[in-house]
All heavy atoms as atom14 arrays in JSON, in Angstrom:
{
  "sequence": "YSSMKQAVQLASVDGLTENITYEKSGEKILEWYNKNLAKHLRT",
  "atom14_mask": [
    [1, 1, 1, 1, 1, 1, 1, 1, 1, 1, 1, 1, 0, 0],
    [1, 1, 1, 1, 1, 1, 0, 0, 0, 0, 0, 0, 0, 0],
    [1, 1, 1, 1, 1, 1, 0, 0, 0, 0, 0, 0, 0, 0],
    [1, 1, 1, 1, 1, 1, 1, 1, 0, 0, 0, 0, 0, 0],
    [1, 1, 1, 1, 1, 1, 1, 1, 1, 0, 0, 0, 0, 0],
    [1, 1, 1, 1, 1, 1, 1, 1, 1, 0, 0, 0, 0, 0],
    [1, 1, 1, 1, 1, 0, 0, 0, 0, 0, 0, 0, 0, 0],
    [1, 1, 1, 1, 1, 1, 1, 0, 0, 0, 0, 0, 0, 0],
    [1, 1, 1, 1, 1, 1, 1, 1, 1, 0, 0, 0, 0, 0],
    [1, 1, 1, 1, 1, 1, 1, 1, 0, 0, 0, 0, 0, 0],
    [1, 1, 1, 1, 1, 0, 0, 0, 0, 0, 0, 0, 0, 0],
    [1, 1, 1, 1, 1, 1, 0, 0, 0, 0, 0, 0, 0, 0],
    [1, 1, 1, 1, 1, 1, 1, 0, 0, 0, 0, 0, 0, 0],
    [1, 1, 1, 1, 1, 1, 1, 1, 0, 0, 0, 0, 0, 0],
    [1, 1, 1, 1, 0, 0, 0, 0, 0, 0, 0, 0, 0, 0],
    [1, 1, 1, 1, 1, 1, 1, 1, 0, 0, 0, 0, 0, 0],
    [1, 1, 1, 1, 1, 1, 1, 0, 0, 0, 0, 0, 0, 0],
    [1, 1, 1, 1, 1, 1, 1, 1, 1, 0, 0, 0, 0, 0],
    [1, 1, 1, 1, 1, 1, 1, 1, 0, 0, 0, 0, 0, 0],
    [1, 1, 1, 1, 1, 1, 1, 1, 0, 0, 0, 0, 0, 0],
    [1, 1, 1, 1, 1, 1, 1, 0, 0, 0, 0, 0, 0, 0],
    [1, 1, 1, 1, 1, 1, 1, 1, 1, 1, 1, 1, 0, 0],
    [1, 1, 1, 1, 1, 1, 1, 1, 1, 0, 0, 0, 0, 0],
    [1, 1, 1, 1, 1, 1, 1, 1, 1, 0, 0, 0, 0, 0],
    [1, 1, 1, 1, 1, 1, 0, 0, 0, 0, 0, 0, 0, 0],
    [1, 1, 1, 1, 0, 0, 0, 0, 0, 0, 0, 0, 0, 0],
    [1, 1, 1, 1, 1, 1, 1, 1, 1, 0, 0, 0, 0, 0],
    [1, 1, 1, 1, 1, 1, 1, 1, 1, 0, 0, 0, 0, 0],
    [1, 1, 1, 1, 1, 1, 1, 1, 0, 0, 0, 0, 0, 0],
    [1, 1, 1, 1, 1, 1, 1, 1, 0, 0, 0, 0, 0, 0],
    [1, 1, 1, 1, 1, 1, 1, 1, 1, 0, 0, 0, 0, 0],
    [1, 1, 1, 1, 1, 1, 1, 1, 1, 1, 1, 1, 1, 1],
    [1, 1, 1, 1, 1, 1, 1, 1, 1, 1, 1, 1, 0, 0],
    [1, 1, 1, 1, 1, 1, 1, 1, 0, 0, 0, 0, 0, 0],
    [1, 1, 1, 1, 1, 1, 1, 1, 1, 0, 0, 0, 0, 0],
    [1, 1, 1, 1, 1, 1, 1, 1, 0, 0, 0, 0, 0, 0],
    [1, 1, 1, 1, 1, 1, 1, 1, 0, 0, 0, 0, 0, 0],
    [1, 1, 1, 1, 1, 0, 0, 0, 0, 0, 0, 0, 0, 0],
    [1, 1, 1, 1, 1, 1, 1, 1, 1, 0, 0, 0, 0, 0],
    [1, 1, 1, 1, 1, 1, 1, 1, 1, 1, 0, 0, 0, 0],
    [1, 1, 1, 1, 1, 1, 1, 1, 0, 0, 0, 0, 0, 0],
    [1, 1, 1, 1, 1, 1, 1, 1, 1, 1, 1, 0, 0, 0],
    [1, 1, 1, 1, 1, 1, 1, 0, 0, 0, 0, 0, 0, 0]
  ],
  "atom14_positions": [
    [[0.83, -1.2, 0.0], [0.0, 0.0, 0.0], [0.87, 1.26, 0.0], [0.63, 2.2, -0.77], [-0.92, -0.02, 1.23], [-1.7, 1.25, 1.43], [-2.85, 1.52, 0.69], [-1.3, 2.18, 2.39], [-3.57, 2.69, 0.89], [-2.01, 3.34, 2.6], [-3.14, 3.6, 1.85], [-3.85, 4.76, 2.03], [0.0, 0.0, 0.0], [0.0, 0.0, 0.0]],
    [[1.87, 1.29, 0.86], [2.76, 2.46, 0.95], [3.53, 2.68, -0.34], [3.66, 3.82, -0.81], [3.72, 2.3, 2.13], [3.03, 2.15, 3.35], [0.0, 0.0, 0.0], [0.0, 0.0, 0.0], [0.0, 0.0, 0.0], [0.0, 0.0, 0.0], [0.0, 0.0, 0.0], [0.0, 0.0, 0.0], [0.0, 0.0, 0.0], [0.0, 0.0, 0.0]],
    [[4.05, 1.59, -0.91], [4.84, 1.69, -2.15], [3.99, 2.18, -3.31], [4.41, 3.04, -4.1], [5.47, 0.34, -2.49], [6.36, -0.07, -1.48], [0.0, 0.0, 0.0], [0.0, 0.0, 0.0], [0.0, 0.0, 0.0], [0.0, 0.0, 0.0], [0.0, 0.0, 0.0], [0.0, 0.0, 0.0], [0.0, 0.0, 0.0], [0.0, 0.0, 0.0]],
    [[2.77, 1.63, -3.45], [1.9, 2.02, -4.54], [1.42, 3.46, -4.37], [1.37, 4.23, -5.34], [0.7, 1.08, -4.61], [1.02, -0.29, -5.17], [1.43, -0.26, -6.94], [-0.2, -0.02, -7.64], [0.0, 0.0, 0.0], [0.0, 0.0, 0.0], [0.0, 0.0, 0.0], [0.0, 0.0, 0.0], [0.0, 0.0, 0.0], [0.0, 0.0, 0.0]],
    [[1.08, 3.82, -3.15], [0.62, 5.17, -2.9], [1.72, 6.19, -3.24], [1.47, 7.22, -3.86], [0.21, 5.3, -1.43], [-0.63, 6.53, -1.11], [-1.12, 6.49, 0.32], [-2.03, 7.66, 0.63], [-3.31, 7.59, -0.1], [0.0, 0.0, 0.0], [0.0, 0.0, 0.0], [0.0, 0.0, 0.0], [0.0, 0.0, 0.0], [0.0, 0.0, 0.0]],
    [[2.95, 5.88, -2.83], [4.07, 6.76, -3.14], [4.33, 6.82, -4.64], [4.61, 7.89, -5.19], [5.32, 6.28, -2.41], [6.54, 7.17, -2.62], [7.77, 6.65, -1.9], [8.1, 5.47, -1.99], [8.44, 7.52, -1.18], [0.0, 0.0, 0.0], [0.0, 0.0, 0.0], [0.0, 0.0, 0.0], [0.0, 0.0, 0.0], [0.0, 0.0, 0.0]],
    [[4.25, 5.67, -5.31], [4.48, 5.62, -6.75], [3.47, 6.48, -7.5], [3.82, 7.2, -8.45], [4.42, 4.18, -7.25], [0.0, 0.0, 0.0], [0.0, 0.0, 0.0], [0.0, 0.0, 0.0], [0.0, 0.0, 0.0], [0.0, 0.0, 0.0], [0.0, 0.0, 0.0], [0.0, 0.0, 0.0], [0.0, 0.0, 0.0], [0.0, 0.0, 0.0]],
    [[2.21, 6.41, -7.08], [1.16, 7.22, -7.72], [1.4, 8.7, -7.47], [1.23, 9.54, -8.37], [-0.23, 6.78, -7.22], [-1.31, 7.74, -7.72], [-0.54, 5.36, -7.67], [0.0, 0.0, 0.0], [0.0, 0.0, 0.0], [0.0, 0.0, 0.0], [0.0, 0.0, 0.0], [0.0, 0.0, 0.0], [0.0, 0.0, 0.0], [0.0, 0.0, 0.0]],
    [[1.82, 9.05, -6.25], [2.1, 10.45, -5.94], [3.27, 10.98, -6.76], [3.23, 12.1, -7.27], [2.38, 10.59, -4.43], [1.15, 10.39, -3.56], [1.48, 10.34, -2.09], [2.64, 10.18, -1.68], [0.46, 10.48, -1.24], [0.0, 0.0, 0.0], [0.0, 0.0, 0.0], [0.0, 0.0, 0.0], [0.0, 0.0, 0.0], [0.0, 0.0, 0.0]],
    [[4.32, 10.17, -6.89], [5.48, 10.58, -7.69], [5.11, 10.7, -9.17], [5.57, 11.61, -9.86], [6.62, 9.58, -7.52], [7.28, 9.56, -6.14], [8.26, 8.4, -6.03], [7.99, 10.88, -5.87], [0.0, 0.0, 0.0], [0.0, 0.0, 0.0], [0.0, 0.0, 0.0], [0.0, 0.0, 0.0], [0.0, 0.0, 0.0], [0.0, 0.0, 0.0]],
    [[4.26, 9.77, -9.64], [3.8, 9.85, -11.02], [2.99, 11.11, -11.25], [3.06, 11.73, -12.32], [2.98, 8.61, -11.37], [0.0, 0.0, 0.0], [0.0, 0.0, 0.0], [0.0, 0.0, 0.0], [0.0, 0.0, 0.0], [0.0, 0.0, 0.0], [0.0, 0.0, 0.0], [0.0, 0.0, 0.0], [0.0, 0.0, 0.0], [0.0, 0.0, 0.0]],
    [[2.22, 11.52, -10.24], [1.43, 12.75, -10.35], [2.34, 13.96, -10.46], [2.06, 14.9, -11.22], [0.5, 12.89, -9.13], [-0.42, 11.82, -9.09], [0.0, 0.0, 0.0], [0.0, 0.0, 0.0], [0.0, 0.0, 0.0], [0.0, 0.0, 0.0], [0.0, 0.0, 0.0], [0.0, 0.0, 0.0], [0.0, 0.0, 0.0], [0.0, 0.0, 0.0]],
    [[3.44, 13.95, -9.72], [4.42, 15.04, -9.81], [5.02, 15.1, -11.21], [5.28, 16.17, -11.76], [5.53, 14.87, -8.75], [6.64, 15.89, -8.97], [4.95, 15.01, -7.35], [0.0, 0.0, 0.0], [0.0, 0.0, 0.0], [0.0, 0.0, 0.0], [0.0, 0.0, 0.0], [0.0, 0.0, 0.0], [0.0, 0.0, 0.0], [0.0, 0.0, 0.0]],
    [[5.21, 13.92, -11.8], [5.78, 13.84, -13.14], [4.79, 14.23, -14.22], [5.15, 14.35, -15.39], [6.29, 12.42, -13.42], [7.5, 12.07, -12.56], [8.14, 13.01, -12.05], [7.78, 10.87, -12.39], [0.0, 0.0, 0.0], [0.0, 0.0, 0.0], [0.0, 0.0, 0.0], [0.0, 0.0, 0.0], [0.0, 0.0, 0.0], [0.0, 0.0, 0.0]],
    [[3.52, 14.37, -13.84], [2.52, 14.79, -14.82], [1.46, 13.76, -15.13], [0.86, 13.78, -16.2], [0.0, 0.0, 0.0], [0.0, 0.0, 0.0], [0.0, 0.0, 0.0], [0.0, 0.0, 0.0], [0.0, 0.0, 0.0], [0.0, 0.0, 0.0], [0.0, 0.0, 0.0], [0.0, 0.0, 0.0], [0.0, 0.0, 0.0], [0.0, 0.0, 0.0]],
    [[1.22, 12.85, -14.19], [0.15, 11.87, -14.38], [-1.2, 12.58, -14.44], [-1.6, 13.27, -13.52], [0.15, 10.87, -13.22], [-1.05, 9.9, -13.15], [-1.09, 8.99, -14.36], [-0.99, 9.08, -11.87], [0.0, 0.0, 0.0], [0.0, 0.0, 0.0], [0.0, 0.0, 0.0], [0.0, 0.0, 0.0], [0.0, 0.0, 0.0], [0.0, 0.0, 0.0]],
    [[-1.89, 12.43, -15.52], [-3.2, 13.06, -15.67], [-4.27, 12.05, -16.07], [-5.42, 12.15, -15.63], [-3.16, 14.18, -16.73], [-2.68, 13.64, -17.96], [-2.27, 15.32, -16.28], [0.0, 0.0, 0.0], [0.0, 0.0, 0.0], [0.0, 0.0, 0.0], [0.0, 0.0, 0.0], [0.0, 0.0, 0.0], [0.0, 0.0, 0.0], [0.0, 0.0, 0.0]],
    [[-3.9, 11.07, -16.87], [-4.9, 10.13, -17.37], [-5.06, 8.94, -16.42], [-4.15, 8.59, -15.67], [-4.54, 9.64, -18.77], [-3.42, 8.59, -18.82], [-2.02, 9.19, -18.78], [-1.87, 10.36, -18.42], [-1.07, 8.45, -19.11], [0.0, 0.0, 0.0], [0.0, 0.0, 0.0], [0.0, 0.0, 0.0], [0.0, 0.0, 0.0], [0.0, 0.0, 0.0]],
    [[-6.24, 8.33, -16.45], [-6.5, 7.14, -15.67], [-6.15, 5.89, -16.46], [-5.96, 5.95, -17.69], [-7.99, 7.08, -15.28], [-8.3, 7.94, -14.07], [-7.57, 7.92, -13.08], [-9.36, 8.72, -14.15], [0.0, 0.0, 0.0], [0.0, 0.0, 0.0], [0.0, 0.0, 0.0], [0.0, 0.0, 0.0], [0.0, 0.0, 0.0], [0.0, 0.0, 0.0]],
    [[-6.07, 4.77, -15.75], [-5.93, 3.5, -16.45], [-7.13, 3.32, -17.37], [-8.26, 3.63, -17.01], [-5.86, 2.33, -15.44], [-4.61, 2.45, -14.57], [-5.87, 0.99, -16.15], [-4.49, 1.38, -13.52], [0.0, 0.0, 0.0], [0.0, 0.0, 0.0], [0.0, 0.0, 0.0], [0.0, 0.0, 0.0], [0.0, 0.0, 0.0], [0.0, 0.0, 0.0]],
    [[-6.87, 2.8, -18.54], [-7.94, 2.65, -19.53], [-9.05, 1.71, -19.06], [-8.82, 0.81, -18.26], [-7.35, 2.11, -20.84], [-8.4, 1.92, -21.79], [-6.67, 0.77, -20.63], [0.0, 0.0, 0.0], [0.0, 0.0, 0.0], [0.0, 0.0, 0.0], [0.0, 0.0, 0.0], [0.0, 0.0, 0.0], [0.0, 0.0, 0.0], [0.0, 0.0, 0.0]],
    [[-10.24, 1.95, -19.58], [-11.35, 1.02, -19.38], [-11.38, -0.02, -20.5], [-12.23, -0.91, -20.5], [-12.67, 1.77, -19.32], [-13.14, 2.04, -17.91], [-13.23, 3.32, -17.4], [-13.5, 0.98, -17.08], [-13.66, 3.56, -16.11], [-13.94, 1.2, -15.77], [-14.02, 2.49, -15.3], [-14.44, 2.71, -14.01], [0.0, 0.0, 0.0], [0.0, 0.0, 0.0]],
    [[-10.46, 0.13, -21.44], [-10.38, -0.88, -22.5], [-9.91, -2.2, -21.9], [-8.98, -2.22, -21.09], [-9.41, -0.43, -23.59], [-9.86, 0.74, -24.42], [-8.88, 1.04, -25.55], [-8.57, 0.11, -26.32], [-8.42, 2.18, -25.63], [0.0, 0.0, 0.0], [0.0, 0.0, 0.0], [0.0, 0.0, 0.0], [0.0, 0.0, 0.0], [0.0, 0.0, 0.0]],
    [[-10.52, -3.27, -22.3], [-10.13, -4.58, -21.8], [-8.92, -5.08, -22.58], [-9.01, -6.02, -23.37], [-11.31, -5.54, -21.89], [-12.5, -5.09, -21.06], [-13.72, -5.95, -21.28], [-14.88, -5.49, -20.41], [-15.3, -4.11, -20.67], [0.0, 0.0, 0.0], [0.0, 0.0, 0.0], [0.0, 0.0, 0.0], [0.0, 0.0, 0.0], [0.0, 0.0, 0.0]],
    [[-7.8, -4.42, -22.34], [-6.58, -4.7, -23.1], [-5.37, -4.69, -22.18], [-5.03, -3.65, -21.59], [-6.4, -3.65, -24.21], [-5.1, -3.71, -24.74], [0.0, 0.0, 0.0], [0.0, 0.0, 0.0], [0.0, 0.0, 0.0], [0.0, 0.0, 0.0], [0.0, 0.0, 0.0], [0.0, 0.0, 0.0], [0.0, 0.0, 0.0], [0.0, 0.0, 0.0]],
    [[-4.72, -5.85, -22.04], [-3.52, -5.93, -21.23], [-2.4, -5.06, -21.77], [-1.63, -4.47, -21.01], [0.0, 0.0, 0.0], [0.0, 0.0, 0.0], [0.0, 0.0, 0.0], [0.0, 0.0, 0.0], [0.0, 0.0, 0.0], [0.0, 0.0, 0.0], [0.0, 0.0, 0.0], [0.0, 0.0, 0.0], [0.0, 0.0, 0.0], [0.0, 0.0, 0.0]],
    [[-2.32, -4.94, -23.1], [-1.27, -4.12, -23.72], [-1.45, -2.65, -23.37], [-0.47, -1.95, -23.08], [-1.3, -4.3, -25.24], [-0.78, -5.65, -25.75], [-1.78, -6.77, -25.53], [-2.99, -6.47, -25.28], [-1.37, -7.95, -25.59], [0.0, 0.0, 0.0], [0.0, 0.0, 0.0], [0.0, 0.0, 0.0], [0.0, 0.0, 0.0], [0.0, 0.0, 0.0]],
    [[-2.68, -2.17, -23.37], [-2.96, -0.77, -23.03], [-2.63, -0.49, -21.57], [-2.08, 0.57, -21.23], [-4.43, -0.44, -23.3], [-4.8, -0.39, -24.78], [-4.26, 0.88, -25.42], [-4.76, 1.01, -26.84], [-4.23, 2.24, -27.5], [0.0, 0.0, 0.0], [0.0, 0.0, 0.0], [0.0, 0.0, 0.0], [0.0, 0.0, 0.0], [0.0, 0.0, 0.0]],
    [[-2.97, -1.43, -20.7], [-2.7, -1.24, -19.27], [-1.2, -1.3, -19.01], [-0.67, -0.52, -18.21], [-3.45, -2.3, -18.45], [-4.96, -2.07, -18.59], [-3.05, -2.25, -16.98], [-5.82, -3.15, -18.0], [0.0, 0.0, 0.0], [0.0, 0.0, 0.0], [0.0, 0.0, 0.0], [0.0, 0.0, 0.0], [0.0, 0.0, 0.0], [0.0, 0.0, 0.0]],
    [[-0.5, -2.19, -19.7], [0.96, -2.25, -19.56], [1.59, -0.95, -20.04], [2.54, -0.44, -19.41], [1.51, -3.43, -20.36], [3.04, -3.59, -20.33], [3.52, -3.84, -18.91], [3.48, -4.72, -21.26], [0.0, 0.0, 0.0], [0.0, 0.0, 0.0], [0.0, 0.0, 0.0], [0.0, 0.0, 0.0], [0.0, 0.0, 0.0], [0.0, 0.0, 0.0]],
    [[1.08, -0.4, -21.13], [1.59, 0.88, -21.64], [1.41, 1.98, -20.6], [2.32, 2.79, -20.36], [0.85, 1.23, -22.93], [1.3, 2.53, -23.57], [0.5, 2.87, -24.82], [-0.14, 1.95, -25.39], [0.5, 4.04, -25.22], [0.0, 0.0, 0.0], [0.0, 0.0, 0.0], [0.0, 0.0, 0.0], [0.0, 0.0, 0.0], [0.0, 0.0, 0.0]],
    [[0.25, 2.03, -19.97], [-0.02, 3.02, -18.92], [0.91, 2.82, -17.73], [1.49, 3.77, -17.19], [-1.47, 2.92, -18.47], [-1.87, 3.96, -17.47], [-2.47, 5.16, -17.71], [-1.69, 3.9, -16.04], [-2.67, 5.86, -16.54], [-2.2, 5.11, -15.5], [-1.15, 2.95, -15.17], [-2.18, 5.38, -14.13], [-1.13, 3.23, -13.8], [-1.65, 4.43, -13.31]],
    [[1.08, 1.56, -17.33], [1.93, 1.24, -16.19], [3.38, 1.64, -16.46], [4.03, 2.26, -15.61], [1.84, -0.26, -15.9], [2.84, -0.75, -14.89], [2.59, -0.66, -13.53], [4.06, -1.31, -15.3], [3.51, -1.11, -12.59], [4.99, -1.76, -14.38], [4.71, -1.65, -13.03], [5.64, -2.08, -12.11], [0.0, 0.0, 0.0], [0.0, 0.0, 0.0]],
    [[3.89, 1.3, -17.63], [5.28, 1.63, -17.97], [5.5, 3.15, -18.02], [6.57, 3.65, -17.65], [5.68, 1.0, -19.3], [5.89, -0.5, -19.18], [6.22, -1.0, -18.1], [5.71, -1.22, -20.28], [0.0, 0.0, 0.0], [0.0, 0.0, 0.0], [0.0, 0.0, 0.0], [0.0, 0.0, 0.0], [0.0, 0.0, 0.0], [0.0, 0.0, 0.0]],
    [[4.51, 3.86, -18.47], [4.62, 5.31, -18.59], [4.56, 6.0, -17.23], [5.26, 7.01, -17.0], [3.5, 5.84, -19.49], [3.51, 7.35, -19.68], [2.37, 7.79, -20.58], [2.34, 9.31, -20.73], [1.21, 9.76, -21.59], [0.0, 0.0, 0.0], [0.0, 0.0, 0.0], [0.0, 0.0, 0.0], [0.0, 0.0, 0.0], [0.0, 0.0, 0.0]],
    [[3.78, 5.46, -16.3], [3.5, 6.18, -15.06], [4.09, 5.59, -13.79], [4.58, 6.33, -12.93], [1.98, 6.31, -14.88], [1.32, 7.14, -15.96], [1.46, 8.36, -15.96], [0.62, 6.49, -16.87], [0.0, 0.0, 0.0], [0.0, 0.0, 0.0], [0.0, 0.0, 0.0], [0.0, 0.0, 0.0], [0.0, 0.0, 0.0], [0.0, 0.0, 0.0]],
    [[4.07, 4.27, -13.64], [4.44, 3.69, -12.35], [5.74, 2.88, -12.36], [6.38, 2.75, -11.31], [3.32, 2.78, -11.84], [1.96, 3.43, -11.57], [1.03, 2.4, -10.94], [2.09, 4.65, -10.69], [0.0, 0.0, 0.0], [0.0, 0.0, 0.0], [0.0, 0.0, 0.0], [0.0, 0.0, 0.0], [0.0, 0.0, 0.0], [0.0, 0.0, 0.0]],
    [[6.1, 2.33, -13.49], [7.22, 1.37, -13.54], [8.49, 1.89, -12.89], [9.15, 1.17, -12.12], [7.48, 0.96, -14.99], [0.0, 0.0, 0.0], [0.0, 0.0, 0.0], [0.0, 0.0, 0.0], [0.0, 0.0, 0.0], [0.0, 0.0, 0.0], [0.0, 0.0, 0.0], [0.0, 0.0, 0.0], [0.0, 0.0, 0.0], [0.0, 0.0, 0.0]],
    [[8.87, 3.13, -13.15], [10.14, 3.65, -12.63], [10.09, 3.96, -11.14], [11.13, 4.21, -10.51], [10.54, 4.9, -13.4], [9.59, 6.08, -13.27], [10.08, 7.25, -14.12], [9.11, 8.43, -14.07], [9.58, 9.56, -14.91], [0.0, 0.0, 0.0], [0.0, 0.0, 0.0], [0.0, 0.0, 0.0], [0.0, 0.0, 0.0], [0.0, 0.0, 0.0]],
    [[8.91, 3.93, -10.56], [8.76, 4.24, -9.14], [8.55, 2.99, -8.28], [8.41, 3.1, -7.06], [7.58, 5.19, -8.92], [7.7, 6.47, -9.67], [8.77, 7.33, -9.52], [6.88, 7.04, -10.59], [8.61, 8.38, -10.3], [7.48, 8.23, -10.96], [0.0, 0.0, 0.0], [0.0, 0.0, 0.0], [0.0, 0.0, 0.0], [0.0, 0.0, 0.0]],
    [[8.55, 1.81, -8.89], [8.35, 0.56, -8.16], [9.52, -0.39, -8.41], [10.05, -0.43, -9.53], [7.05, -0.12, -8.6], [5.73, 0.55, -8.21], [4.57, -0.17, -8.88], [5.53, 0.56, -6.7], [0.0, 0.0, 0.0], [0.0, 0.0, 0.0], [0.0, 0.0, 0.0], [0.0, 0.0, 0.0], [0.0, 0.0, 0.0], [0.0, 0.0, 0.0]],
    [[9.89, -1.13, -7.39], [10.94, -2.14, -7.52], [10.27, -3.5, -7.69], [9.56, -3.97, -6.79], [11.85, -2.12, -6.3], [12.56, -0.79, -6.08], [13.46, -0.84, -4.86], [14.54, -1.78, -5.04], [15.38, -2.16, -4.07], [15.2, -1.69, -2.84], [16.35, -3.02, -4.32], [0.0, 0.0, 0.0], [0.0, 0.0, 0.0], [0.0, 0.0, 0.0]],
    [[10.47, -4.11, -8.83], [9.76, -5.35, -9.14], [10.71, -6.42, -9.68], [11.83, -6.13, -10.1], [8.67, -5.09, -10.2], [9.3, -4.65, -11.42], [7.7, -4.01, -9.72], [0.0, 0.0, 0.0], [0.0, 0.0, 0.0], [0.0, 0.0, 0.0], [0.0, 0.0, 0.0], [0.0, 0.0, 0.0], [0.0, 0.0, 0.0], [0.0, 0.0, 0.0]]
  ]
}
């Protein structure tokens, strides 16, 4: 919870404006994740 919350906050500082898509597409969600959260999480 703490890691995800911090990652979202950092992404917002970087300019996160759009939400995760409602499209039922793993590729679209991965694209959103890589653009916004990937660099802020250790996986």
